[in-house]
Amino acid sequence: MIYAVWIPLLMPLLAVPAARRAAEWLPPRAAAWTLAGFSVVLAGSSTAALGLLASAGALRLPPVAAFAHLSPPLLGDDASVPLPVSLLALVALAAGACALVRTGLRQRREMRTAHAGSAGGADELSVHPDESPYAYALPGRPGRIVVTTGMLRALDAREREVLFAHERAHLKGRHHLFLSAAELAVTLHPMLRGLREPLAYALERWADESAASATGDRALTARAIGRAALAAARAPGPGARPRVALAATAGPVPRRVSALLAPGSTSARPRKALRRTVAGALLVCAALSAGAATEAAYDLHSGVEVAQGEAHASE
């Protein structure tokens, strides 16, 4: 166990840079699913590893061993886990649990505040009488497109349709769940923070492509996103916008516009075979992390069973 349990904790050091690069090579939808799933798997595996480290040390304490009917000397390799390491793992586990609850409550509070400030009724569009130009997709039941009169005036009729199609794609794809999962994963393993920015970019590109398909005009889509971003840059952003609510004006807009105007360009993308290889490597990293945590759990369980059997035999 002592060797396998460290793999999930250290895997993000190597895997996160590779995942960021893979996100640039994969199509937007595939990149979003890959990054979000990767974050959840690595966070879950590292949390399990911390729990195993804490348990291995706790089982060697005489009161815990007596309660579980164990013979501590027979726990085998788990004796290699020093008690201070187990205590640090327990502290990290408790801190991660508190941060997870706090982040989840904050996300819920932000959603409630945003919905309370949006227009009621069943209309998809919620227009705020505000000269500051901004717009974003507010998830929920029902999901709404929040837009100000300032943003509506900054765009013409066709560009407004692009904006609505973009935000509608965020709502339909439930993109906020991707960001929410990644944010919760970061609370469990801070090294995963580097995946949030490329994930947000992939989600915006996913919505860009959806808007381009809905309107049938990539040049119009690029122009609308660029003009909306320029308008929003001249005004402060909405204070009530939840962090997991996405907006067409967020992220590196020039890169998004370039991608829309040159969708067939292969100069910045590797060949499809290489993209599949990189995606496969990320799957291997995730499987290795989860597998190492499972192996460590099995080793600890086997040691506990041996120690319990010997304790019963000595009675």
Protein backbone atom coordinates (compact mmCIF):
# COMPACT_ATOMS: atom_id res chain seq x y z
CA MET A 1 0.00 0.00 0.00
CA ILE A 2 2.73 2.47 0.97
CA TYR A 3 3.85 2.91 -2.64
CA ALA A 4 0.53 2.75 -4.46
CA VAL A 5 -1.16 5.25 -2.16
CA TRP A 6 1.13 8.10 -3.24
CA ILE A 7 0.36 7.78 -6.96
CA PRO A 8 -3.08 9.50 -6.82
CA LEU A 9 -1.64 12.34 -4.74
CA LEU A 10 1.26 13.02 -7.10
CA MET A 11 -0.40 12.23 -10.44
CA PRO A 12 -1.69 15.83 -11.02
CA LEU A 13 1.91 17.09 -11.11
CA LEU A 14 2.39 15.27 -14.43
CA ALA A 15 -1.17 14.89 -15.67
CA VAL A 16 -2.45 18.48 -15.39
CA PRO A 17 0.08 19.98 -17.88
CA ALA A 18 -0.65 17.14 -20.31
CA ALA A 19 -4.40 17.68 -19.91
CA ARG A 20 -4.05 21.41 -20.62
CA ARG A 21 -2.19 20.62 -23.85
CA ALA A 22 -4.70 17.96 -24.85
CA ALA A 23 -7.54 20.44 -24.38
CA GLU A 24 -6.04 22.60 -27.13
CA TRP A 25 -5.90 19.68 -29.55
CA LEU A 26 -9.28 18.07 -28.91
CA PRO A 27 -12.62 19.30 -30.30
CA PRO A 28 -14.40 21.58 -27.78
CA ARG A 29 -17.03 19.08 -26.67
CA ALA A 30 -14.53 16.27 -26.25
CA ALA A 31 -12.14 18.60 -24.42
CA ALA A 32 -14.85 19.68 -21.97
CA TRP A 33 -15.86 16.12 -21.14
CA THR A 34 -12.23 15.02 -20.86
CA LEU A 35 -11.16 17.83 -18.53
CA ALA A 36 -14.23 17.63 -16.30
CA GLY A 37 -14.08 13.85 -16.01
CA PHE A 38 -10.33 13.94 -15.49
CA SER A 39 -10.72 16.44 -12.64
CA VAL A 40 -13.36 14.35 -10.89
CA VAL A 41 -11.41 11.09 -11.18
CA LEU A 42 -8.14 12.59 -9.93
CA ALA A 43 -9.86 14.41 -7.08
CA GLY A 44 -11.74 11.29 -6.01
CA SER A 45 -8.62 9.13 -6.19
CA SER A 46 -6.51 11.58 -4.19
CA THR A 47 -9.23 11.89 -1.55
CA ALA A 48 -9.38 8.10 -1.25
CA ALA A 49 -5.59 8.02 -0.89
CA LEU A 50 -5.71 10.53 1.95
CA GLY A 51 -8.39 8.47 3.64
CA LEU A 52 -6.24 5.33 3.35
CA LEU A 53 -3.19 7.08 4.78
CA ALA A 54 -5.22 8.37 7.70
CA SER A 55 -6.79 4.95 8.27
CA ALA A 56 -3.46 3.12 8.16
CA GLY A 57 -2.11 5.29 10.96
CA ALA A 58 -5.31 5.23 13.00
CA LEU A 59 -5.45 1.42 12.92
CA ARG A 60 -2.07 1.25 14.65
CA LEU A 61 -3.31 3.22 17.64
CA PRO A 62 -4.07 0.80 20.53
CA PRO A 63 -7.59 2.17 21.24
CA VAL A 64 -8.58 1.94 17.55
CA ALA A 65 -6.98 -1.49 17.16
CA ALA A 66 -8.78 -2.77 20.26
CA PHE A 67 -12.10 -1.39 19.04
CA ALA A 68 -11.64 -3.09 15.64
CA HIS A 69 -10.31 -6.31 17.22
CA LEU A 70 -6.94 -6.01 15.49
CA SER A 71 -3.44 -7.17 16.20
CA PRO A 72 -1.45 -4.05 15.11
CA PRO A 73 1.91 -5.81 14.54
CA LEU A 74 0.30 -7.87 11.77
CA LEU A 75 -0.81 -4.91 9.66
CA GLY A 76 2.26 -5.53 7.52
CA ASP A 77 3.47 -2.84 5.13
CA ASP A 78 1.10 -0.28 6.64
CA ALA A 79 3.58 0.00 9.50
CA SER A 80 5.68 1.99 7.03
CA VAL A 81 3.14 4.83 7.25
CA PRO A 82 4.44 7.08 10.04
CA LEU A 83 1.90 8.45 12.44
CA PRO A 84 2.73 12.11 11.58
CA VAL A 85 2.00 11.36 7.92
CA SER A 86 -1.35 9.86 8.88
CA LEU A 87 -2.14 12.91 10.99
CA LEU A 88 -1.28 15.24 8.09
CA ALA A 89 -3.48 13.15 5.80
CA LEU A 90 -6.33 13.40 8.31
CA VAL A 91 -5.93 17.19 8.54
CA ALA A 92 -5.88 17.49 4.73
CA LEU A 93 -8.94 15.27 4.48
CA ALA A 94 -10.85 17.35 7.03
CA ALA A 95 -9.81 20.60 5.34
CA GLY A 96 -10.90 19.27 1.95
CA ALA A 97 -14.28 18.18 3.34
CA CYS A 98 -14.87 21.61 4.90
CA ALA A 99 -13.83 23.36 1.68
CA LEU A 100 -16.10 21.08 -0.34
CA VAL A 101 -19.13 21.90 1.82
CA ARG A 102 -18.29 25.61 1.83
CA THR A 103 -17.89 25.72 -1.95
CA GLY A 104 -21.11 23.81 -2.50
CA LEU A 105 -23.04 26.15 -0.21
CA ARG A 106 -21.53 29.20 -1.93
CA GLN A 107 -22.53 27.90 -5.36
CA ARG A 108 -26.06 27.34 -4.13
CA ARG A 109 -26.22 30.79 -2.53
CA GLU A 110 -24.96 32.49 -5.70
CA MET A 111 -27.57 30.69 -7.79
CA ARG A 112 -30.38 31.71 -5.46
CA THR A 113 -29.22 35.33 -5.43
CA ALA A 114 -28.99 35.45 -9.22
CA HIS A 115 -32.44 33.90 -9.68
CA ALA A 116 -33.94 36.30 -7.14
CA GLY A 117 -32.61 39.21 -9.19
CA SER A 118 -33.80 37.88 -12.55
CA ALA A 119 -37.25 38.45 -13.98
CA GLY A 120 -39.92 36.02 -12.94
CA GLY A 121 -42.25 34.03 -15.11
CA ALA A 122 -41.55 31.28 -17.60
CA ASP A 123 -39.77 33.44 -20.20
CA GLU A 124 -36.35 32.22 -21.26
CA LEU A 125 -35.08 35.78 -21.68
CA SER A 126 -34.58 38.01 -18.64
CA VAL A 127 -33.86 41.60 -19.69
CA HIS A 128 -32.38 43.90 -17.04
CA PRO A 129 -32.76 47.68 -17.47
CA ASP A 130 -29.04 48.35 -17.11
CA GLU A 131 -26.74 50.42 -19.33
CA SER A 132 -23.80 48.13 -18.51
CA PRO A 133 -23.59 45.64 -21.41
CA TYR A 134 -23.43 42.07 -20.18
CA ALA A 135 -25.16 38.75 -20.75
CA TYR A 136 -24.83 35.27 -19.31
CA ALA A 137 -26.61 31.94 -19.09
CA LEU A 138 -28.26 31.44 -15.69
CA PRO A 139 -28.92 27.73 -15.11
CA GLY A 140 -31.82 26.46 -13.06
CA ARG A 141 -35.47 25.60 -13.41
CA PRO A 142 -36.18 27.35 -15.62
CA GLY A 143 -32.83 28.31 -17.08
CA ARG A 144 -32.68 31.90 -18.29
CA ILE A 145 -30.60 34.09 -20.55
CA VAL A 146 -29.82 37.20 -18.52
CA VAL A 147 -29.09 40.23 -20.72
CA THR A 148 -29.09 43.96 -20.17
CA THR A 149 -30.58 46.67 -22.33
CA GLY A 150 -27.05 48.00 -22.76
CA MET A 151 -25.93 44.74 -24.39
CA LEU A 152 -29.02 44.59 -26.59
CA ARG A 153 -28.28 48.10 -27.89
CA ALA A 154 -24.64 47.20 -28.57
CA LEU A 155 -25.65 44.49 -31.09
CA ASP A 156 -27.85 44.44 -34.14
CA ALA A 157 -30.73 42.01 -34.58
CA ARG A 158 -28.69 39.21 -36.19
CA GLU A 159 -25.91 39.53 -33.66
CA ARG A 160 -28.41 39.33 -30.83
CA GLU A 161 -29.64 36.03 -32.25
CA VAL A 162 -26.07 34.73 -32.15
CA LEU A 163 -25.71 35.84 -28.53
CA PHE A 164 -28.96 34.12 -27.56
CA ALA A 165 -27.96 30.94 -29.42
CA HIS A 166 -24.62 30.90 -27.59
CA GLU A 167 -26.16 31.30 -24.13
CA ARG A 168 -28.92 28.83 -25.03
CA ALA A 169 -26.23 26.26 -25.84
CA HIS A 170 -24.79 26.71 -22.33
CA LEU A 171 -28.20 26.06 -20.82
CA LYS A 172 -29.05 23.10 -23.06
CA GLY A 173 -25.65 21.47 -22.52
CA ARG A 174 -25.80 22.15 -18.75
CA HIS A 175 -22.30 23.51 -18.98
CA HIS A 176 -22.45 24.91 -15.46
CA LEU A 177 -22.25 21.35 -14.13
CA PHE A 178 -18.86 20.92 -15.80
CA LEU A 179 -17.50 24.04 -14.11
CA SER A 180 -19.13 23.17 -10.81
CA ALA A 181 -17.58 19.70 -10.80
CA ALA A 182 -14.15 21.11 -11.64
CA GLU A 183 -14.43 23.74 -8.91
CA LEU A 184 -15.40 21.12 -6.33
CA ALA A 185 -12.51 18.93 -7.50
CA VAL A 186 -10.09 21.80 -6.87
CA THR A 187 -11.25 22.04 -3.26
CA LEU A 188 -10.18 18.41 -2.80
CA HIS A 189 -6.87 18.70 -4.66
CA PRO A 190 -5.55 22.27 -5.25
CA MET A 191 -3.13 21.05 -7.97
CA LEU A 192 -6.15 20.59 -10.24
CA ARG A 193 -6.71 24.35 -10.36
CA GLY A 194 -4.83 24.52 -13.65
CA LEU A 195 -7.64 22.65 -15.42
CA ARG A 196 -10.38 25.18 -14.72
CA GLU A 197 -9.28 27.81 -17.26
CA PRO A 198 -8.92 25.42 -20.21
CA LEU A 199 -12.23 23.81 -19.23
CA ALA A 200 -14.01 27.19 -19.29
CA TYR A 201 -12.42 27.91 -22.69
CA ALA A 202 -13.56 24.52 -24.05
CA LEU A 203 -17.11 25.20 -22.86
CA GLU A 204 -17.15 28.62 -24.54
CA ARG A 205 -15.84 27.11 -27.76
CA TRP A 206 -18.50 24.40 -27.53
CA ALA A 207 -21.19 27.09 -27.28
CA ASP A 208 -19.54 29.07 -30.10
CA GLU A 209 -19.78 26.08 -32.42
CA SER A 210 -23.38 25.48 -31.39
CA ALA A 211 -24.26 29.11 -32.15
CA ALA A 212 -22.48 28.92 -35.51
CA SER A 213 -24.46 25.78 -36.39
CA ALA A 214 -27.74 27.36 -35.28
CA THR A 215 -27.23 30.53 -37.32
CA GLY A 216 -25.42 28.91 -40.24
CA ASP A 217 -22.94 31.79 -40.42
CA ARG A 218 -19.53 31.45 -38.78
CA ALA A 219 -18.41 34.95 -39.75
CA LEU A 220 -21.54 36.45 -38.20
CA THR A 221 -20.99 34.39 -35.05
CA ALA A 222 -17.38 35.57 -34.76
CA ARG A 223 -18.41 39.20 -35.30
CA ALA A 224 -21.20 39.03 -32.73
CA ILE A 225 -18.98 37.49 -30.06
CA GLY A 226 -16.24 40.02 -30.74
CA ARG A 227 -18.59 43.01 -30.56
CA ALA A 228 -20.26 41.71 -27.39
CA ALA A 229 -16.87 41.23 -25.75
CA LEU A 230 -15.72 44.73 -26.73
CA ALA A 231 -18.90 46.22 -25.32
CA ALA A 232 -18.61 44.25 -22.07
CA ALA A 233 -14.95 45.22 -21.66
CA ARG A 234 -15.94 48.89 -21.34
CA ALA A 235 -18.20 48.25 -18.35
CA PRO A 236 -17.96 46.43 -15.00
CA GLY A 237 -19.28 42.89 -14.95
CA PRO A 238 -22.49 41.82 -13.23
CA GLY A 239 -22.00 41.49 -9.50
CA ALA A 240 -24.72 38.85 -9.08
CA ARG A 241 -23.42 36.48 -11.75
CA PRO A 242 -22.60 33.06 -10.25
CA ARG A 243 -19.07 31.84 -10.86
CA VAL A 244 -20.33 28.72 -12.65
CA ALA A 245 -22.60 30.72 -14.97
CA LEU A 246 -20.98 31.09 -18.38
CA ALA A 247 -21.05 34.12 -20.67
CA ALA A 248 -20.25 34.64 -24.33
CA THR A 249 -17.91 37.50 -23.45
CA ALA A 250 -15.71 35.44 -21.11
CA GLY A 251 -12.32 33.91 -21.75
CA PRO A 252 -9.78 34.57 -24.52
CA VAL A 253 -12.19 35.99 -27.09
CA PRO A 254 -9.57 36.63 -29.81
CA ARG A 255 -8.65 32.91 -29.82
CA ARG A 256 -12.30 31.97 -30.02
CA VAL A 257 -12.92 34.37 -32.91
CA SER A 258 -9.88 33.02 -34.76
CA ALA A 259 -11.12 29.45 -34.30
CA LEU A 260 -14.51 30.39 -35.74
CA LEU A 261 -13.00 32.11 -38.75
CA ALA A 262 -10.56 29.29 -39.51
CA PRO A 263 -12.36 26.07 -38.54
CA GLY A 264 -10.59 23.94 -41.12
CA SER A 265 -7.09 25.08 -40.30
CA THR A 266 -4.76 22.28 -39.21
CA SER A 267 -1.64 24.37 -38.68
CA ALA A 268 -2.13 24.59 -34.90
CA ARG A 269 -3.55 21.10 -34.47
CA PRO A 270 -1.72 17.78 -34.56
CA ARG A 271 -2.97 14.90 -36.62
CA LYS A 272 -6.05 13.02 -35.50
CA ALA A 273 -3.99 9.98 -34.58
CA LEU A 274 -1.83 12.07 -32.24
CA ARG A 275 -4.90 13.65 -30.64
CA ARG A 276 -6.30 10.20 -29.97
CA THR A 277 -2.96 9.13 -28.51
CA VAL A 278 -2.91 12.09 -26.11
CA ALA A 279 -6.52 11.51 -25.10
CA GLY A 280 -5.69 7.85 -24.53
CA ALA A 281 -2.71 8.83 -22.39
CA LEU A 282 -4.99 10.95 -20.19
CA LEU A 283 -7.35 8.00 -19.80
CA VAL A 284 -4.38 5.85 -18.77
CA CYS A 285 -3.36 8.46 -16.18
CA ALA A 286 -6.87 8.55 -14.75
CA ALA A 287 -7.10 4.76 -14.72
CA LEU A 288 -3.67 4.49 -13.11
CA SER A 289 -4.65 6.93 -10.38
CA ALA A 290 -7.95 5.17 -9.65
CA GLY A 291 -6.30 1.75 -9.89
CA ALA A 292 -3.54 2.71 -7.46
CA ALA A 293 -6.10 3.92 -4.92
CA THR A 294 -8.05 0.67 -5.35
CA GLU A 295 -4.91 -1.43 -4.93
CA ALA A 296 -3.93 0.48 -1.80
CA ALA A 297 -7.42 -0.04 -0.37
CA TYR A 298 -7.22 -3.76 -1.13
CA ASP A 299 -3.81 -4.04 0.57
CA LEU A 300 -5.07 -2.25 3.67
CA HIS A 301 -8.20 -4.42 3.76
CA SER A 302 -6.12 -7.60 3.46
CA GLY A 303 -3.86 -6.46 6.31
CA VAL A 304 -6.86 -5.71 8.49
CA GLU A 305 -8.36 -9.13 7.82
CA VAL A 306 -5.09 -10.86 8.79
CA ALA A 307 -4.77 -8.76 11.92
CA GLN A 308 -8.37 -9.47 12.91
CA GLY A 309 -7.90 -13.21 12.35
CA GLU A 310 -4.80 -13.33 14.48
CA ALA A 311 -6.46 -11.29 17.20
CA HIS A 312 -9.39 -13.73 17.30
CA ALA A 313 -7.02 -16.72 17.32
CA SER A 314 -5.14 -15.37 20.32
CA GLU A 315 -8.32 -14.93 22.39
